[in-house]
Amino acid sequence: MRSFKFFAMIVSTLVFLAACGESGPKKVTIQPVGNEMKYATTEFTVKAGEQVTLIMDNVATSPAMIHNVVVLKPGTDVDAFAQACLAAGESAGYFADDPNVVAHVPLAKPGKKTQVTFTAPTEKGDYMYICTYPGHYVLMRGTMHVQ
């Protein structure tokens, strides 16, 4: 009887520890709609300060459909930022380092995945995300809601 109680105590402790363990960052996968310049996921929600792994799963098949995801702070001049990314060029992955960037998932060629893990802003609000590959940002937009 004594060994049964000890065994039960060990099992319940392990169950408790497993329940309390870290589950890891929240995973959010963004895909394009086939070979269109359009995100299939146009919005998602995260908690303020939460760890997030943002994944670009490029399911496109056309070689011209290279995509990324760049999350921007509210109030960012998106046109100016996109122009800076274009000016940065292919060698920079069509990405310009900017203080308004919350997260940047690098370019993914068709059939490939790229990702980044970041901490969601502590300021609640709506954060636009775009694709900065040349010509895509006008159509490829979405919103990350921080609650």
N, C-alpha and C. Protein backbone atom coordinates (compact mmCIF):
# COMPACT_ATOMS: atom_id res chain seq x y z
N MET A 1 0.82 -1.19 0.00
CA MET A 1 0.00 0.00 0.00
C MET A 1 0.87 1.26 0.00
N ARG A 2 1.94 1.18 0.76
CA ARG A 2 2.83 2.33 0.86
C ARG A 2 3.49 2.63 -0.49
N SER A 3 3.91 1.60 -1.20
CA SER A 3 4.53 1.81 -2.51
C SER A 3 3.52 2.33 -3.52
N PHE A 4 2.25 1.94 -3.40
CA PHE A 4 1.22 2.45 -4.30
C PHE A 4 1.03 3.95 -4.10
N LYS A 5 1.00 4.41 -2.85
CA LYS A 5 0.86 5.85 -2.56
C LYS A 5 2.06 6.62 -3.11
N PHE A 6 3.24 6.06 -2.93
CA PHE A 6 4.44 6.71 -3.44
C PHE A 6 4.39 6.80 -4.96
N PHE A 7 3.99 5.70 -5.61
CA PHE A 7 3.86 5.68 -7.06
C PHE A 7 2.83 6.70 -7.53
N ALA A 8 1.69 6.76 -6.87
CA ALA A 8 0.63 7.71 -7.22
C ALA A 8 1.12 9.15 -7.06
N MET A 9 1.90 9.40 -6.02
CA MET A 9 2.43 10.73 -5.79
C MET A 9 3.41 11.12 -6.91
N ILE A 10 4.25 10.19 -7.32
CA ILE A 10 5.21 10.45 -8.40
C ILE A 10 4.47 10.74 -9.71
N VAL A 11 3.47 9.93 -10.03
CA VAL A 11 2.71 10.11 -11.26
C VAL A 11 1.99 11.45 -11.26
N SER A 12 1.34 11.80 -10.16
CA SER A 12 0.61 13.07 -10.12
C SER A 12 1.58 14.26 -10.20
N THR A 13 2.76 14.14 -9.63
CA THR A 13 3.76 15.20 -9.73
C THR A 13 4.21 15.37 -11.18
N LEU A 14 4.45 14.27 -11.87
CA LEU A 14 4.86 14.34 -13.27
C LEU A 14 3.77 14.94 -14.15
N VAL A 15 2.52 14.57 -13.90
CA VAL A 15 1.40 15.14 -14.65
C VAL A 15 1.32 16.64 -14.41
N PHE A 16 1.47 17.05 -13.16
CA PHE A 16 1.43 18.47 -12.81
C PHE A 16 2.55 19.23 -13.52
N LEU A 17 3.76 18.70 -13.48
CA LEU A 17 4.89 19.37 -14.12
C LEU A 17 4.71 19.45 -15.63
N ALA A 18 4.17 18.42 -16.22
CA ALA A 18 3.93 18.43 -17.67
C ALA A 18 2.90 19.49 -18.04
N ALA A 19 1.88 19.63 -17.21
CA ALA A 19 0.83 20.62 -17.47
C ALA A 19 1.36 22.04 -17.32
N CYS A 20 2.33 22.24 -16.44
CA CYS A 20 2.87 23.57 -16.19
C CYS A 20 4.01 23.93 -17.14
N GLY A 21 4.50 22.97 -17.89
CA GLY A 21 5.66 23.21 -18.75
C GLY A 21 5.35 24.19 -19.88
N GLU A 22 6.40 24.76 -20.43
CA GLU A 22 6.28 25.68 -21.55
C GLU A 22 5.77 24.94 -22.78
N SER A 23 4.81 25.54 -23.45
CA SER A 23 4.30 24.92 -24.67
C SER A 23 5.00 25.50 -25.89
N GLY A 24 5.87 26.47 -25.68
CA GLY A 24 6.60 27.08 -26.78
C GLY A 24 5.85 28.25 -27.36
N PRO A 25 6.47 28.91 -28.33
CA PRO A 25 5.84 30.07 -28.95
C PRO A 25 4.57 29.70 -29.70
N LYS A 26 3.68 30.68 -29.81
CA LYS A 26 2.48 30.48 -30.63
C LYS A 26 2.93 30.44 -32.09
N LYS A 27 2.46 29.44 -32.84
CA LYS A 27 2.84 29.31 -34.24
C LYS A 27 1.73 29.85 -35.14
N VAL A 28 2.12 30.71 -36.06
CA VAL A 28 1.19 31.28 -37.04
C VAL A 28 1.79 31.04 -38.41
N THR A 29 1.04 30.37 -39.27
CA THR A 29 1.52 30.08 -40.63
C THR A 29 0.76 30.93 -41.63
N ILE A 30 1.52 31.61 -42.47
CA ILE A 30 0.95 32.45 -43.53
C ILE A 30 1.31 31.79 -44.86
N GLN A 31 0.31 31.63 -45.73
CA GLN A 31 0.52 31.07 -47.07
C GLN A 31 -0.07 32.03 -48.09
N PRO A 32 0.47 32.02 -49.31
CA PRO A 32 -0.19 32.76 -50.37
C PRO A 32 -1.37 31.93 -50.90
N VAL A 33 -2.26 32.59 -51.60
CA VAL A 33 -3.35 31.89 -52.27
C VAL A 33 -2.79 31.43 -53.62
N GLY A 34 -2.35 30.18 -53.67
CA GLY A 34 -1.78 29.63 -54.91
C GLY A 34 -0.70 30.52 -55.49
N ASN A 35 -0.85 30.87 -56.77
CA ASN A 35 0.12 31.73 -57.45
C ASN A 35 -0.34 33.18 -57.52
N GLU A 36 -1.23 33.56 -56.61
CA GLU A 36 -1.71 34.93 -56.57
C GLU A 36 -0.86 35.76 -55.62
N MET A 37 -0.89 37.07 -55.82
CA MET A 37 -0.24 37.98 -54.88
C MET A 37 -1.27 38.32 -53.81
N LYS A 38 -1.55 37.32 -52.97
CA LYS A 38 -2.58 37.46 -51.95
C LYS A 38 -2.28 36.48 -50.83
N TYR A 39 -2.37 36.96 -49.58
CA TYR A 39 -2.20 36.07 -48.44
C TYR A 39 -3.50 35.30 -48.19
N ALA A 40 -3.41 34.01 -47.91
CA ALA A 40 -4.59 33.23 -47.53
C ALA A 40 -5.04 33.62 -46.12
N THR A 41 -4.08 33.96 -45.27
CA THR A 41 -4.38 34.40 -43.91
C THR A 41 -4.23 35.91 -43.89
N THR A 42 -5.35 36.62 -43.76
CA THR A 42 -5.29 38.08 -43.79
C THR A 42 -5.35 38.71 -42.41
N GLU A 43 -5.49 37.88 -41.38
CA GLU A 43 -5.42 38.40 -40.02
C GLU A 43 -5.20 37.26 -39.04
N PHE A 44 -4.56 37.61 -37.93
CA PHE A 44 -4.39 36.68 -36.82
C PHE A 44 -4.24 37.49 -35.55
N THR A 45 -4.45 36.83 -34.42
CA THR A 45 -4.43 37.51 -33.13
C THR A 45 -3.40 36.88 -32.21
N VAL A 46 -2.65 37.73 -31.51
CA VAL A 46 -1.68 37.28 -30.51
C VAL A 46 -1.90 38.09 -29.24
N LYS A 47 -1.34 37.59 -28.14
CA LYS A 47 -1.40 38.31 -26.88
C LYS A 47 -0.20 39.24 -26.77
N ALA A 48 -0.40 40.37 -26.14
CA ALA A 48 0.69 41.32 -25.92
C ALA A 48 1.83 40.64 -25.17
N GLY A 49 3.04 40.76 -25.68
CA GLY A 49 4.22 40.17 -25.04
C GLY A 49 4.41 38.69 -25.27
N GLU A 50 3.53 38.06 -26.03
CA GLU A 50 3.61 36.62 -26.29
C GLU A 50 4.72 36.30 -27.30
N GLN A 51 5.36 35.15 -27.11
CA GLN A 51 6.34 34.66 -28.08
C GLN A 51 5.57 34.08 -29.27
N VAL A 52 5.97 34.49 -30.48
CA VAL A 52 5.28 34.09 -31.70
C VAL A 52 6.30 33.58 -32.71
N THR A 53 6.01 32.44 -33.31
CA THR A 53 6.79 31.97 -34.46
C THR A 53 5.92 32.18 -35.69
N LEU A 54 6.37 33.08 -36.55
CA LEU A 54 5.64 33.41 -37.77
C LEU A 54 6.32 32.69 -38.93
N ILE A 55 5.53 31.91 -39.65
CA ILE A 55 6.05 31.05 -40.72
C ILE A 55 5.46 31.46 -42.06
N MET A 56 6.33 31.68 -43.04
CA MET A 56 5.87 31.87 -44.42
C MET A 56 6.02 30.52 -45.11
N ASP A 57 4.88 29.91 -45.41
CA ASP A 57 4.85 28.62 -46.11
C ASP A 57 4.44 28.92 -47.54
N ASN A 58 5.40 29.07 -48.41
CA ASN A 58 5.12 29.48 -49.78
C ASN A 58 4.69 28.28 -50.62
N VAL A 59 3.38 28.13 -50.74
CA VAL A 59 2.80 27.02 -51.49
C VAL A 59 2.67 27.33 -52.99
N ALA A 60 3.12 28.50 -53.40
CA ALA A 60 3.06 28.87 -54.82
C ALA A 60 3.96 27.93 -55.63
N THR A 61 3.66 27.84 -56.92
CA THR A 61 4.47 27.01 -57.82
C THR A 61 5.17 27.83 -58.89
N SER A 62 4.71 29.04 -59.13
CA SER A 62 5.33 29.91 -60.13
C SER A 62 6.64 30.48 -59.58
N PRO A 63 7.73 30.41 -60.35
CA PRO A 63 9.01 30.93 -59.88
C PRO A 63 8.98 32.42 -59.52
N ALA A 64 8.03 33.17 -60.09
CA ALA A 64 7.93 34.61 -59.81
C ALA A 64 7.26 34.90 -58.47
N MET A 65 6.66 33.91 -57.87
CA MET A 65 5.90 34.13 -56.63
C MET A 65 6.77 33.87 -55.39
N ILE A 66 7.70 34.75 -55.15
CA ILE A 66 8.56 34.72 -53.97
C ILE A 66 7.92 35.65 -52.95
N HIS A 67 7.81 35.19 -51.70
CA HIS A 67 7.09 35.98 -50.69
C HIS A 67 7.82 36.03 -49.36
N ASN A 68 7.49 37.06 -48.60
CA ASN A 68 7.93 37.18 -47.21
C ASN A 68 6.79 37.77 -46.39
N VAL A 69 7.05 38.00 -45.11
CA VAL A 69 6.08 38.66 -44.23
C VAL A 69 6.86 39.65 -43.38
N VAL A 70 6.45 40.91 -43.43
CA VAL A 70 7.05 41.95 -42.60
C VAL A 70 5.93 42.61 -41.81
N VAL A 71 6.02 42.53 -40.48
CA VAL A 71 5.02 43.14 -39.59
C VAL A 71 5.51 44.53 -39.21
N LEU A 72 4.62 45.51 -39.36
CA LEU A 72 4.99 46.91 -39.12
C LEU A 72 4.18 47.53 -37.98
N LYS A 73 4.78 48.50 -37.32
CA LYS A 73 4.09 49.22 -36.25
C LYS A 73 2.96 50.06 -36.85
N PRO A 74 1.89 50.30 -36.05
CA PRO A 74 0.81 51.17 -36.52
C PRO A 74 1.36 52.55 -36.88
N GLY A 75 0.81 53.14 -37.93
CA GLY A 75 1.23 54.48 -38.33
C GLY A 75 2.42 54.51 -39.28
N THR A 76 2.97 53.35 -39.61
CA THR A 76 4.10 53.30 -40.53
C THR A 76 3.66 53.74 -41.93
N ASP A 77 4.46 54.54 -42.59
CA ASP A 77 4.21 54.91 -43.98
C ASP A 77 4.59 53.70 -44.83
N VAL A 78 3.60 52.90 -45.16
CA VAL A 78 3.83 51.63 -45.86
C VAL A 78 4.44 51.85 -47.24
N ASP A 79 3.96 52.86 -47.96
CA ASP A 79 4.51 53.12 -49.29
C ASP A 79 5.99 53.46 -49.22
N ALA A 80 6.36 54.33 -48.28
CA ALA A 80 7.77 54.72 -48.13
C ALA A 80 8.62 53.52 -47.70
N PHE A 81 8.08 52.70 -46.79
CA PHE A 81 8.82 51.52 -46.35
C PHE A 81 9.02 50.55 -47.52
N ALA A 82 7.98 50.31 -48.30
CA ALA A 82 8.08 49.39 -49.44
C ALA A 82 9.09 49.90 -50.46
N GLN A 83 9.13 51.20 -50.68
CA GLN A 83 10.11 51.78 -51.60
C GLN A 83 11.53 51.60 -51.09
N ALA A 84 11.71 51.74 -49.77
CA ALA A 84 13.04 51.52 -49.17
C ALA A 84 13.46 50.06 -49.34
N CYS A 85 12.51 49.14 -49.21
CA CYS A 85 12.81 47.71 -49.40
C CYS A 85 13.20 47.43 -50.85
N LEU A 86 12.50 48.05 -51.78
CA LEU A 86 12.83 47.90 -53.19
C LEU A 86 14.24 48.43 -53.46
N ALA A 87 14.55 49.59 -52.89
CA ALA A 87 15.87 50.20 -53.07
C ALA A 87 16.98 49.34 -52.44
N ALA A 88 16.65 48.63 -51.36
CA ALA A 88 17.64 47.76 -50.71
C ALA A 88 18.08 46.64 -51.65
N GLY A 89 17.18 46.23 -52.51
CA GLY A 89 17.52 45.28 -53.57
C GLY A 89 17.50 43.82 -53.20
N GLU A 90 17.77 43.03 -54.23
CA GLU A 90 17.72 41.57 -54.10
C GLU A 90 18.74 41.05 -53.09
N SER A 91 19.92 41.65 -53.06
CA SER A 91 20.97 41.17 -52.15
C SER A 91 20.56 41.32 -50.68
N ALA A 92 19.65 42.25 -50.40
CA ALA A 92 19.15 42.45 -49.03
C ALA A 92 17.83 41.73 -48.82
N GLY A 93 17.41 40.93 -49.80
CA GLY A 93 16.14 40.22 -49.69
C GLY A 93 14.95 41.15 -49.78
N TYR A 94 15.13 42.28 -50.47
CA TYR A 94 14.09 43.30 -50.59
C TYR A 94 13.53 43.67 -49.22
N PHE A 95 14.46 43.87 -48.30
CA PHE A 95 14.10 44.26 -46.93
C PHE A 95 15.02 45.38 -46.47
N ALA A 96 14.42 46.44 -45.93
CA ALA A 96 15.18 47.56 -45.38
C ALA A 96 14.98 47.57 -43.87
N ASP A 97 16.09 47.54 -43.15
CA ASP A 97 16.01 47.60 -41.69
C ASP A 97 15.40 48.95 -41.31
N ASP A 98 14.42 48.92 -40.43
CA ASP A 98 13.68 50.13 -40.08
C ASP A 98 13.15 49.99 -38.66
N PRO A 99 13.15 51.07 -37.88
CA PRO A 99 12.65 50.97 -36.50
C PRO A 99 11.15 50.65 -36.40
N ASN A 100 10.43 50.76 -37.51
CA ASN A 100 9.00 50.44 -37.51
C ASN A 100 8.72 48.96 -37.74
N VAL A 101 9.75 48.16 -37.95
CA VAL A 101 9.57 46.72 -38.19
C VAL A 101 9.46 46.00 -36.86
N VAL A 102 8.37 45.24 -36.70
CA VAL A 102 8.15 44.42 -35.51
C VAL A 102 8.77 43.03 -35.73
N ALA A 103 8.58 42.48 -36.92
CA ALA A 103 9.10 41.15 -37.25
C ALA A 103 9.29 41.05 -38.76
N HIS A 104 10.29 40.25 -39.15
CA HIS A 104 10.60 40.07 -40.56
C HIS A 104 10.86 38.60 -40.84
N VAL A 105 9.98 37.99 -41.62
CA VAL A 105 10.18 36.61 -42.08
C VAL A 105 10.85 36.73 -43.45
N PRO A 106 12.06 36.18 -43.63
CA PRO A 106 12.77 36.31 -44.91
C PRO A 106 11.99 35.73 -46.09
N LEU A 107 12.42 36.13 -47.28
CA LEU A 107 11.80 35.64 -48.51
C LEU A 107 11.85 34.12 -48.59
N ALA A 108 10.74 33.56 -49.08
CA ALA A 108 10.65 32.11 -49.31
C ALA A 108 10.33 31.89 -50.78
N LYS A 109 11.15 31.09 -51.43
CA LYS A 109 10.88 30.72 -52.82
C LYS A 109 9.71 29.74 -52.85
N PRO A 110 9.08 29.56 -54.01
CA PRO A 110 7.97 28.60 -54.10
C PRO A 110 8.36 27.22 -53.58
N GLY A 111 7.48 26.65 -52.77
CA GLY A 111 7.71 25.33 -52.19
C GLY A 111 8.58 25.34 -50.95
N LYS A 112 9.00 26.51 -50.49
CA LYS A 112 9.89 26.61 -49.33
C LYS A 112 9.19 27.32 -48.17
N LYS A 113 9.78 27.17 -46.98
CA LYS A 113 9.28 27.84 -45.77
C LYS A 113 10.41 28.64 -45.14
N THR A 114 10.06 29.78 -44.59
CA THR A 114 10.98 30.57 -43.77
C THR A 114 10.21 30.97 -42.52
N GLN A 115 10.94 31.32 -41.47
CA GLN A 115 10.24 31.68 -40.23
C GLN A 115 11.10 32.58 -39.37
N VAL A 116 10.44 33.21 -38.42
CA VAL A 116 11.12 34.01 -37.40
C VAL A 116 10.32 33.88 -36.11
N THR A 117 11.02 33.89 -34.99
CA THR A 117 10.36 33.91 -33.68
C THR A 117 10.63 35.27 -33.06
N PHE A 118 9.58 35.90 -32.56
CA PHE A 118 9.71 37.23 -31.99
C PHE A 118 8.74 37.38 -30.82
N THR A 119 8.92 38.44 -30.07
CA THR A 119 8.01 38.77 -28.98
C THR A 119 7.01 39.79 -29.50
N ALA A 120 5.72 39.48 -29.36
CA ALA A 120 4.68 40.41 -29.80
C ALA A 120 4.81 41.71 -29.01
N PRO A 121 4.46 42.82 -29.64
CA PRO A 121 4.53 44.09 -28.92
C PRO A 121 3.68 44.07 -27.65
N THR A 122 4.07 44.86 -26.67
CA THR A 122 3.27 44.96 -25.44
C THR A 122 2.14 45.97 -25.61
N GLU A 123 2.24 46.79 -26.64
CA GLU A 123 1.18 47.76 -26.92
C GLU A 123 0.10 47.11 -27.77
N LYS A 124 -1.11 47.08 -27.23
CA LYS A 124 -2.23 46.47 -27.96
C LYS A 124 -2.59 47.32 -29.17
N GLY A 125 -3.07 46.65 -30.21
CA GLY A 125 -3.47 47.36 -31.41
C GLY A 125 -3.39 46.48 -32.63
N ASP A 126 -3.54 47.11 -33.79
CA ASP A 126 -3.51 46.41 -35.07
C ASP A 126 -2.21 46.75 -35.80
N TYR A 127 -1.49 45.72 -36.20
CA TYR A 127 -0.19 45.85 -36.85
C TYR A 127 -0.29 45.25 -38.25
N MET A 128 -0.06 46.08 -39.26
CA MET A 128 -0.15 45.60 -40.64
C MET A 128 1.06 44.72 -40.97
N TYR A 129 0.81 43.69 -41.79
CA TYR A 129 1.93 42.94 -42.35
C TYR A 129 1.80 42.94 -43.87
N ILE A 130 2.97 42.94 -44.52
CA ILE A 130 3.02 43.03 -45.98
C ILE A 130 4.11 42.10 -46.52
N CYS A 131 4.04 41.87 -47.83
CA CYS A 131 5.12 41.19 -48.56
C CYS A 131 5.92 42.29 -49.27
N THR A 132 7.24 42.30 -49.08
CA THR A 132 8.05 43.36 -49.67
C THR A 132 8.73 42.96 -50.98
N TYR A 133 8.40 41.78 -51.52
CA TYR A 133 8.95 41.44 -52.83
C TYR A 133 8.40 42.46 -53.82
N PRO A 134 9.20 42.90 -54.81
CA PRO A 134 8.78 43.98 -55.70
C PRO A 134 7.37 43.82 -56.27
N GLY A 135 6.57 44.86 -56.04
CA GLY A 135 5.21 44.92 -56.56
C GLY A 135 4.16 44.19 -55.75
N HIS A 136 4.53 43.46 -54.73
CA HIS A 136 3.57 42.64 -53.99
C HIS A 136 2.85 43.37 -52.86
N TYR A 137 3.48 44.37 -52.26
CA TYR A 137 2.93 44.95 -51.03
C TYR A 137 1.55 45.58 -51.21
N VAL A 138 1.23 46.02 -52.42
CA VAL A 138 -0.07 46.66 -52.65
C VAL A 138 -1.22 45.68 -52.42
N LEU A 139 -1.01 44.42 -52.81
CA LEU A 139 -2.06 43.41 -52.69
C LEU A 139 -1.87 42.47 -51.50
N MET A 140 -0.62 42.25 -51.11
CA MET A 140 -0.35 41.28 -50.04
C MET A 140 -0.22 42.00 -48.71
N ARG A 141 -1.37 42.11 -48.04
CA ARG A 141 -1.45 42.80 -46.76
C ARG A 141 -2.33 42.00 -45.81
N GLY A 142 -2.04 42.16 -44.55
CA GLY A 142 -2.85 41.53 -43.52
C GLY A 142 -2.68 42.30 -42.22
N THR A 143 -3.36 41.82 -41.17
CA THR A 143 -3.32 42.49 -39.88
C THR A 143 -3.04 41.51 -38.76
N MET A 144 -2.06 41.85 -37.93
CA MET A 144 -1.80 41.12 -36.69
C MET A 144 -2.46 41.93 -35.58
N HIS A 145 -3.45 41.33 -34.93
CA HIS A 145 -4.13 41.99 -33.81
C HIS A 145 -3.41 41.61 -32.53
N VAL A 146 -2.99 42.61 -31.77
CA VAL A 146 -2.35 42.37 -30.48
C VAL A 146 -3.35 42.73 -29.40
N GLN A 147 -3.69 41.73 -28.56
CA GLN A 147 -4.68 41.95 -27.49
C GLN A 147 -4.04 41.81 -26.13
